[in-house]
Amino acid sequence: MAPRGSQRTINKVVAENRKARFNYEIIDTYEAGLVLTGTEVKSLREGKANIAESYASDEGDEIWLINSHLPEYLQANRFNHEPRRRRKLLLTAREINRLRSAINRDGMTLVPLKVYFNEKGRAKLELALAKGKKLHDKRESEKERDWNRQKSRLLKTG
């Protein structure tokens, strides 16, 4: 066991949704805890997770993560979890109300950006309040990205 106060892996990113920033305009981000079973935590610690096609939904007084994939933990034979089950997100009541009003009023979407372990070793989810981009906005961001790449190449060689 590591001595107290020693440097632990801080904010170890397990899974990232890289397409979210391309498909959505990020308005605001929130940090949410995840309600997980033991085998799900062990699977996350191995670095196996996929949140690329997942989203968060407002149901009742709670926010749920839907369609995220945490593969089964191989060493846990009969006590394993279901890989694509719905997982409850832990947010404060004020945050839930703010998110619910933005979803209902402005037609925004809750998109998970990344799953990581914080300094205390707790699994956290970075959740974004986002608005879907139109096709021309996606083209514009792609042009801008290509131009920045070209500009950096020119500055390196020149």
Foldseek 3Di string as FASTA:
>chain_A
DDDPPDDDPAWAFLEFQVCCVLFWPFDDKDKWAWDDDPQLLVLSVVSDWYQNPWFWDDDDQWIKIFQIARDWRVVPPPPTDDGGDIITIHDDSVVSVVLVCCCVPVVWTKGWGTWTAHRVRGIMTIITTTDGDDPVVSVVVVVVVVVVVVVVVVVVVD
